[in-house]
Amino acid sequence: MLIRARGVEKSYRLGDVTAPVLRGITVDVEAGGLTAIVGPSGCGKTTFLGLLGGLDAPDAGELVVAGLDLARAGAAALVEHRRRQVGFVFQFYNLLPSLTALENVEAGLEFLGLDPAARRRRALETLDRLMLADAAAKFPAQLSGGMQQRVAIARALARRPPLLLCDEPTGNLDQETGRQVFAELRALEKDGGVTVVVVTHDVELAAGADRVLRMSDGRVALA
């Protein structure tokens, strides 16, 4: 079991008011496959994804990802979790505009202890895998939105994480380009042995996932 959540709760403080966001999430996700999380805005999808990635900690419950109990892990263990176990892809590409596509991918590898030649070789291999070899020397401003998102996916994938977390990865793309990016994620899961969890508002795209989790009012159910 790659992800095991039991009674996960999370609230945020808004002035004098405590706003519950997750209300007892209980779900299992096996290794492999693509899981889509759908639901209305404000239902807790992004919050849950952030907890899976170790960006925040649950207030209550058990959350084990890749063997690490994120609810009880220390700061150093969470840093290693984010570095080694998880790749992130967001709606906004967050590429560094002064770096080429290749350099953006390489930048995500600097903390892995690879020598410069190994970093470049891995970055080039990953760009090639996503059919971006011809874009390696181009800057983000010279790339379409779809290509920028694929570079962002390459940056996350180059670290070879077992879990890829994607928050609205097609949200800034037109429908056809969004389908292409989703197809890339599907191919990575099928051919690369990566478990993919995608938060999306696009019900049509979610229908192509192996599993759909529907969130509502901070709770989750198998759709």
C-alpha atoms as a PDB file:
ATOM      1  CA  MET A   1       0.000   0.000   0.000  1.00  0.00           C
ATOM      2  CA  LEU A   2       1.626   3.262  -1.094  1.00  0.00           C
ATOM      3  CA  ILE A   3      -0.866   5.583   0.634  1.00  0.00           C
ATOM      4  CA  ARG A   4      -2.833   4.767   3.771  1.00  0.00           C
ATOM      5  CA  ALA A   5      -5.039   7.457   5.328  1.00  0.00           C
ATOM      6  CA  ARG A   6      -7.133   6.861   8.434  1.00  0.00           C
ATOM      7  CA  GLY A   7      -9.296   9.585   9.934  1.00  0.00           C
ATOM      8  CA  VAL A   8      -7.121  12.413   8.578  1.00  0.00           C
ATOM      9  CA  GLU A   9      -8.244  15.846   9.739  1.00  0.00           C
ATOM     10  CA  LYS A  10      -6.948  19.316   8.933  1.00  0.00           C
ATOM     11  CA  SER A  11      -8.174  22.758   9.960  1.00  0.00           C
ATOM     12  CA  TYR A  12      -6.880  26.271   9.386  1.00  0.00           C
ATOM     13  CA  ARG A  13      -7.142  29.283  11.614  1.00  0.00           C
ATOM     14  CA  LEU A  14      -8.823  32.342  10.070  1.00  0.00           C
ATOM     15  CA  GLY A  15      -8.579  35.070  12.658  1.00  0.00           C
ATOM     16  CA  ASP A  16     -10.620  33.896  15.613  1.00  0.00           C
ATOM     17  CA  VAL A  17     -12.334  31.190  13.588  1.00  0.00           C
ATOM     18  CA  THR A  18     -11.113  27.626  13.048  1.00  0.00           C
ATOM     19  CA  ALA A  19     -12.144  26.365   9.615  1.00  0.00           C
ATOM     20  CA  PRO A  20     -12.159  22.576   9.177  1.00  0.00           C
ATOM     21  CA  VAL A  21     -10.951  21.540   5.722  1.00  0.00           C
ATOM     22  CA  LEU A  22     -10.493  17.754   5.989  1.00  0.00           C
ATOM     23  CA  ARG A  23     -12.994  15.874   8.130  1.00  0.00           C
ATOM     24  CA  GLY A  24     -11.762  12.341   8.668  1.00  0.00           C
ATOM     25  CA  ILE A  25     -10.309  11.206   5.329  1.00  0.00           C
ATOM     26  CA  THR A  26      -9.961   7.430   5.143  1.00  0.00           C
ATOM     27  CA  VAL A  27      -8.640   5.940   1.917  1.00  0.00           C
ATOM     28  CA  ASP A  28      -6.016   3.533   0.551  1.00  0.00           C
ATOM     29  CA  VAL A  29      -4.092   3.912  -2.715  1.00  0.00           C
ATOM     30  CA  GLU A  30      -2.109   0.977  -4.058  1.00  0.00           C
ATOM     31  CA  ALA A  31       1.223   1.499  -5.779  1.00  0.00           C
ATOM     32  CA  GLY A  32       0.858   1.946  -9.519  1.00  0.00           C
ATOM     33  CA  GLY A  33      -1.933   3.417 -11.558  1.00  0.00           C
ATOM     34  CA  LEU A  34      -3.393   6.897 -11.895  1.00  0.00           C
ATOM     35  CA  THR A  35      -5.830   8.160  -9.289  1.00  0.00           C
ATOM     36  CA  ALA A  36      -7.891  11.298  -9.935  1.00  0.00           C
ATOM     37  CA  ILE A  37      -9.310  13.400  -7.111  1.00  0.00           C
ATOM     38  CA  VAL A  38     -12.338  15.453  -8.124  1.00  0.00           C
ATOM     39  CA  GLY A  39     -14.781  17.703  -6.332  1.00  0.00           C
ATOM     40  CA  PRO A  40     -15.956  21.315  -6.051  1.00  0.00           C
ATOM     41  CA  SER A  41     -13.629  24.198  -5.207  1.00  0.00           C
ATOM     42  CA  GLY A  42     -12.911  24.443  -1.501  1.00  0.00           C
ATOM     43  CA  CYS A  43     -13.663  20.795  -0.724  1.00  0.00           C
ATOM     44  CA  GLY A  44     -10.090  20.044   0.418  1.00  0.00           C
ATOM     45  CA  LYS A  45      -8.500  18.461  -2.670  1.00  0.00           C
ATOM     46  CA  THR A  46      -5.368  20.612  -2.720  1.00  0.00           C
ATOM     47  CA  THR A  47      -5.037  20.434   1.068  1.00  0.00           C
ATOM     48  CA  PHE A  48      -5.072  16.635   0.942  1.00  0.00           C
ATOM     49  CA  LEU A  49      -2.520  16.612  -1.880  1.00  0.00           C
ATOM     50  CA  GLY A  50      -0.257  18.883   0.173  1.00  0.00           C
ATOM     51  CA  LEU A  51      -0.461  16.506   3.128  1.00  0.00           C
ATOM     52  CA  LEU A  52       0.485  13.565   0.886  1.00  0.00           C
ATOM     53  CA  GLY A  53       3.535  15.494  -0.248  1.00  0.00           C
ATOM     54  CA  GLY A  54       4.615  16.423   3.263  1.00  0.00           C
ATOM     55  CA  LEU A  55       4.071  20.139   2.661  1.00  0.00           C
ATOM     56  CA  ASP A  56       1.888  20.288   5.769  1.00  0.00           C
ATOM     57  CA  ALA A  57       0.990  17.927   8.610  1.00  0.00           C
ATOM     58  CA  PRO A  58      -2.418  16.519   9.579  1.00  0.00           C
ATOM     59  CA  ASP A  59      -4.006  17.728  12.805  1.00  0.00           C
ATOM     60  CA  ALA A  60      -5.288  14.241  13.576  1.00  0.00           C
ATOM     61  CA  GLY A  61      -5.399  10.751  12.129  1.00  0.00           C
ATOM     62  CA  GLU A  62      -2.862   8.480  10.464  1.00  0.00           C
ATOM     63  CA  LEU A  63      -1.283   9.242   7.085  1.00  0.00           C
ATOM     64  CA  VAL A  64       1.369   6.827   5.820  1.00  0.00           C
ATOM     65  CA  VAL A  65       2.969   7.442   2.419  1.00  0.00           C
ATOM     66  CA  ALA A  66       5.746   5.194   1.110  1.00  0.00           C
ATOM     67  CA  GLY A  67       6.173   3.744   4.595  1.00  0.00           C
ATOM     68  CA  LEU A  68       6.516   7.085   6.403  1.00  0.00           C
ATOM     69  CA  ASP A  69       3.894   8.228   8.915  1.00  0.00           C
ATOM     70  CA  LEU A  70       3.620  11.873   7.889  1.00  0.00           C
ATOM     71  CA  ALA A  71       1.509  12.759  10.927  1.00  0.00           C
ATOM     72  CA  ARG A  72       4.388  11.912  13.256  1.00  0.00           C
ATOM     73  CA  ALA A  73       7.495  12.413  11.142  1.00  0.00           C
ATOM     74  CA  GLY A  74      10.101  14.970  12.141  1.00  0.00           C
ATOM     75  CA  ALA A  75      11.211  17.893   9.987  1.00  0.00           C
ATOM     76  CA  ALA A  76      14.282  16.100   8.590  1.00  0.00           C
ATOM     77  CA  ALA A  77      12.239  13.051   7.580  1.00  0.00           C
ATOM     78  CA  LEU A  78       9.682  15.274   5.820  1.00  0.00           C
ATOM     79  CA  VAL A  79      12.435  17.009   3.852  1.00  0.00           C
ATOM     80  CA  GLU A  80      13.745  13.636   2.678  1.00  0.00           C
ATOM     81  CA  HIS A  81      10.196  12.568   1.821  1.00  0.00           C
ATOM     82  CA  ARG A  82       9.775  15.616  -0.419  1.00  0.00           C
ATOM     83  CA  ARG A  83      13.195  15.090  -1.995  1.00  0.00           C
ATOM     84  CA  ARG A  84      13.161  11.335  -2.561  1.00  0.00           C
ATOM     85  CA  GLN A  85       9.601  10.033  -2.560  1.00  0.00           C
ATOM     86  CA  VAL A  86       7.453  12.722  -4.159  1.00  0.00           C
ATOM     87  CA  GLY A  87       7.418  14.811  -7.319  1.00  0.00           C
ATOM     88  CA  PHE A  88       5.129  17.824  -7.616  1.00  0.00           C
ATOM     89  CA  VAL A  89       3.440  19.272 -10.696  1.00  0.00           C
ATOM     90  CA  PHE A  90       1.240  22.347 -10.262  1.00  0.00           C
ATOM     91  CA  GLN A  91      -1.224  24.321 -12.377  1.00  0.00           C
ATOM     92  CA  PHE A  92       1.336  27.110 -12.675  1.00  0.00           C
ATOM     93  CA  TYR A  93       4.504  25.750 -14.221  1.00  0.00           C
ATOM     94  CA  ASN A  94       6.909  27.619 -11.893  1.00  0.00           C
ATOM     95  CA  LEU A  95       9.747  27.395 -14.400  1.00  0.00           C
ATOM     96  CA  LEU A  96      12.673  29.763 -13.906  1.00  0.00           C
ATOM     97  CA  PRO A  97      12.451  32.170 -16.871  1.00  0.00           C
ATOM     98  CA  SER A  98      16.212  32.793 -17.039  1.00  0.00           C
ATOM     99  CA  LEU A  99      17.016  29.079 -17.404  1.00  0.00           C
ATOM    100  CA  THR A 100      16.559  26.852 -20.429  1.00  0.00           C
ATOM    101  CA  ALA A 101      14.297  23.821 -20.313  1.00  0.00           C
ATOM    102  CA  LEU A 102      17.335  21.624 -19.685  1.00  0.00           C
ATOM    103  CA  GLU A 103      18.624  23.889 -16.911  1.00  0.00           C
ATOM    104  CA  ASN A 104      15.181  23.960 -15.257  1.00  0.00           C
ATOM    105  CA  VAL A 105      15.187  20.173 -15.083  1.00  0.00           C
ATOM    106  CA  GLU A 106      18.770  20.094 -13.840  1.00  0.00           C
ATOM    107  CA  ALA A 107      17.921  22.606 -11.095  1.00  0.00           C
ATOM    108  CA  GLY A 108      15.541  20.084  -9.548  1.00  0.00           C
ATOM    109  CA  LEU A 109      18.383  17.577  -9.198  1.00  0.00           C
ATOM    110  CA  GLU A 110      20.935  19.680  -7.347  1.00  0.00           C
ATOM    111  CA  PHE A 111      20.150  18.294  -3.891  1.00  0.00           C
ATOM    112  CA  LEU A 112      20.443  14.622  -4.926  1.00  0.00           C
ATOM    113  CA  GLY A 113      24.232  14.548  -4.705  1.00  0.00           C
ATOM    114  CA  LEU A 114      24.771  13.866  -8.416  1.00  0.00           C
ATOM    115  CA  ASP A 115      27.831  15.296 -10.130  1.00  0.00           C
ATOM    116  CA  PRO A 116      27.151  17.882 -12.877  1.00  0.00           C
ATOM    117  CA  ALA A 117      27.649  15.388 -15.710  1.00  0.00           C
ATOM    118  CA  ALA A 118      25.217  12.921 -14.156  1.00  0.00           C
ATOM    119  CA  ARG A 119      22.652  15.689 -13.586  1.00  0.00           C
ATOM    120  CA  ARG A 120      22.855  16.769 -17.207  1.00  0.00           C
ATOM    121  CA  ARG A 121      22.640  13.220 -18.491  1.00  0.00           C
ATOM    122  CA  ARG A 122      19.552  12.458 -16.375  1.00  0.00           C
ATOM    123  CA  ALA A 123      17.884  15.756 -17.327  1.00  0.00           C
ATOM    124  CA  LEU A 124      18.461  15.097 -21.035  1.00  0.00           C
ATOM    125  CA  GLU A 125      17.144  11.538 -20.738  1.00  0.00           C
ATOM    126  CA  THR A 126      13.991  12.762 -19.010  1.00  0.00           C
ATOM    127  CA  LEU A 127      13.342  15.511 -21.564  1.00  0.00           C
ATOM    128  CA  ASP A 128      13.791  12.957 -24.330  1.00  0.00           C
ATOM    129  CA  ARG A 129      11.335  10.645 -22.605  1.00  0.00           C
ATOM    130  CA  LEU A 130       8.744  13.420 -22.760  1.00  0.00           C
ATOM    131  CA  MET A 131       9.620  14.174 -26.409  1.00  0.00           C
ATOM    132  CA  LEU A 132      11.218  17.488 -25.434  1.00  0.00           C
ATOM    133  CA  ALA A 133      14.787  16.897 -26.574  1.00  0.00           C
ATOM    134  CA  ASP A 134      14.441  19.555 -29.290  1.00  0.00           C
ATOM    135  CA  ALA A 135      13.322  22.086 -26.655  1.00  0.00           C
ATOM    136  CA  ALA A 136      16.247  21.545 -24.278  1.00  0.00           C
ATOM    137  CA  ALA A 137      18.013  24.798 -25.197  1.00  0.00           C
ATOM    138  CA  LYS A 138      14.873  26.937 -25.291  1.00  0.00           C
ATOM    139  CA  PHE A 139      13.717  29.289 -22.547  1.00  0.00           C
ATOM    140  CA  PRO A 140      10.188  29.031 -21.055  1.00  0.00           C
ATOM    141  CA  ALA A 141       9.008  32.127 -22.951  1.00  0.00           C
ATOM    142  CA  GLN A 142       9.852  30.350 -26.203  1.00  0.00           C
ATOM    143  CA  LEU A 143       7.630  27.355 -25.361  1.00  0.00           C
ATOM    144  CA  SER A 144       3.879  26.841 -25.560  1.00  0.00           C
ATOM    145  CA  GLY A 145       1.901  26.327 -22.375  1.00  0.00           C
ATOM    146  CA  GLY A 146       1.689  22.615 -23.004  1.00  0.00           C
ATOM    147  CA  MET A 147       5.425  22.337 -23.516  1.00  0.00           C
ATOM    148  CA  GLN A 148       6.112  24.342 -20.369  1.00  0.00           C
ATOM    149  CA  GLN A 149       3.913  21.973 -18.384  1.00  0.00           C
ATOM    150  CA  ARG A 150       5.731  18.983 -19.849  1.00  0.00           C
ATOM    151  CA  VAL A 151       9.055  20.558 -18.814  1.00  0.00           C
ATOM    152  CA  ALA A 152       7.593  20.931 -15.301  1.00  0.00           C
ATOM    153  CA  ILE A 153       6.632  17.245 -15.378  1.00  0.00           C
ATOM    154  CA  ALA A 154      10.156  16.363 -16.552  1.00  0.00           C
ATOM    155  CA  ARG A 155      11.637  18.396 -13.687  1.00  0.00           C
ATOM    156  CA  ALA A 156       9.575  16.411 -11.186  1.00  0.00           C
ATOM    157  CA  LEU A 157      10.122  13.065 -12.904  1.00  0.00           C
ATOM    158  CA  ALA A 158      13.897  13.427 -13.230  1.00  0.00           C
ATOM    159  CA  ARG A 159      14.229  12.832  -9.499  1.00  0.00           C
ATOM    160  CA  ARG A 160      12.630   9.411 -10.115  1.00  0.00           C
ATOM    161  CA  PRO A 161      10.086   9.600  -7.317  1.00  0.00           C
ATOM    162  CA  PRO A 162       7.713   6.682  -6.765  1.00  0.00           C
ATOM    163  CA  LEU A 163       4.805   9.135  -6.331  1.00  0.00           C
ATOM    164  CA  LEU A 164       3.898  12.022  -8.639  1.00  0.00           C
ATOM    165  CA  LEU A 165       1.384  14.532  -7.210  1.00  0.00           C
ATOM    166  CA  CYS A 166      -0.308  16.836  -9.719  1.00  0.00           C
ATOM    167  CA  ASP A 167      -2.513  19.767  -8.714  1.00  0.00           C
ATOM    168  CA  GLU A 168      -4.695  20.866 -11.649  1.00  0.00           C
ATOM    169  CA  PRO A 169      -1.870  20.205 -14.157  1.00  0.00           C
ATOM    170  CA  THR A 170      -4.154  21.008 -17.118  1.00  0.00           C
ATOM    171  CA  GLY A 171      -5.881  24.010 -15.521  1.00  0.00           C
ATOM    172  CA  ASN A 172      -3.974  26.610 -17.584  1.00  0.00           C
ATOM    173  CA  LEU A 173      -4.193  24.709 -20.854  1.00  0.00           C
ATOM    174  CA  ASP A 174      -6.756  24.540 -23.629  1.00  0.00           C
ATOM    175  CA  GLN A 175      -8.810  21.368 -23.819  1.00  0.00           C
ATOM    176  CA  GLU A 176      -6.774  19.594 -26.492  1.00  0.00           C
ATOM    177  CA  THR A 177      -3.417  20.428 -24.907  1.00  0.00           C
ATOM    178  CA  GLY A 178      -4.818  19.351 -21.548  1.00  0.00           C
ATOM    179  CA  ARG A 179      -5.695  15.971 -23.037  1.00  0.00           C
ATOM    180  CA  GLN A 180      -2.158  15.618 -24.365  1.00  0.00           C
ATOM    181  CA  VAL A 181      -0.601  16.402 -20.975  1.00  0.00           C
ATOM    182  CA  PHE A 182      -2.967  13.963 -19.285  1.00  0.00           C
ATOM    183  CA  ALA A 183      -1.960  11.321 -21.837  1.00  0.00           C
ATOM    184  CA  GLU A 184       1.693  11.970 -20.929  1.00  0.00           C
ATOM    185  CA  LEU A 185       0.888  11.354 -17.269  1.00  0.00           C
ATOM    186  CA  ARG A 186      -0.903   8.150 -18.209  1.00  0.00           C
ATOM    187  CA  ALA A 187       2.102   6.979 -20.210  1.00  0.00           C
ATOM    188  CA  LEU A 188       4.463   7.727 -17.328  1.00  0.00           C
ATOM    189  CA  GLU A 189       2.334   5.655 -15.003  1.00  0.00           C
ATOM    190  CA  LYS A 190       2.060   2.745 -17.411  1.00  0.00           C
ATOM    191  CA  ASP A 191       5.630   2.685 -18.732  1.00  0.00           C
ATOM    192  CA  GLY A 192       7.640   4.257 -15.927  1.00  0.00           C
ATOM    193  CA  GLY A 193       6.274   2.596 -12.831  1.00  0.00           C
ATOM    194  CA  VAL A 194       5.239   5.920 -11.277  1.00  0.00           C
ATOM    195  CA  THR A 195       2.106   6.191  -9.133  1.00  0.00           C
ATOM    196  CA  VAL A 196       0.248   9.341 -10.192  1.00  0.00           C
ATOM    197  CA  VAL A 197      -2.343  11.227  -8.132  1.00  0.00           C
ATOM    198  CA  VAL A 198      -4.043  14.088  -9.989  1.00  0.00           C
ATOM    199  CA  VAL A 199      -6.359  16.756  -8.596  1.00  0.00           C
ATOM    200  CA  THR A 200      -8.592  17.995 -11.420  1.00  0.00           C
ATOM    201  CA  HIS A 201     -11.854  19.803 -12.114  1.00  0.00           C
ATOM    202  CA  ASP A 202     -12.028  18.157 -15.537  1.00  0.00           C
ATOM    203  CA  VAL A 203     -14.504  15.309 -15.174  1.00  0.00           C
ATOM    204  CA  GLU A 204     -13.812  14.109 -18.721  1.00  0.00           C
ATOM    205  CA  LEU A 205     -10.109  13.710 -18.015  1.00  0.00           C
ATOM    206  CA  ALA A 206     -10.779  12.112 -14.627  1.00  0.00           C
ATOM    207  CA  ALA A 207     -12.883   9.469 -16.367  1.00  0.00           C
ATOM    208  CA  GLY A 208      -9.661   8.192 -17.946  1.00  0.00           C
ATOM    209  CA  ALA A 209      -8.077   7.454 -14.575  1.00  0.00           C
ATOM    210  CA  ASP A 210      -7.823   4.006 -13.014  1.00  0.00           C
ATOM    211  CA  ARG A 211      -9.592   5.271  -9.924  1.00  0.00           C
ATOM    212  CA  VAL A 212     -11.593   8.383  -9.076  1.00  0.00           C
ATOM    213  CA  LEU A 213     -11.876   9.725  -5.545  1.00  0.00           C
ATOM    214  CA  ARG A 214     -14.695  12.227  -5.124  1.00  0.00           C
ATOM    215  CA  MET A 215     -14.269  14.812  -2.392  1.00  0.00           C
ATOM    216  CA  SER A 216     -17.050  16.843  -0.844  1.00  0.00           C
ATOM    217  CA  ASP A 217     -17.042  18.956   2.314  1.00  0.00           C
ATOM    218  CA  GLY A 218     -13.690  17.581   3.451  1.00  0.00           C
ATOM    219  CA  ARG A 219     -14.591  13.937   3.007  1.00  0.00           C
ATOM    220  CA  VAL A 220     -13.736  11.435   0.298  1.00  0.00           C
ATOM    221  CA  ALA A 221     -15.570   8.560  -1.351  1.00  0.00           C
ATOM    222  CA  LEU A 222     -14.744   6.207  -4.220  1.00  0.00           C
ATOM    223  CA  ALA A 223     -16.619   7.543  -7.246  1.00  0.00           C
END
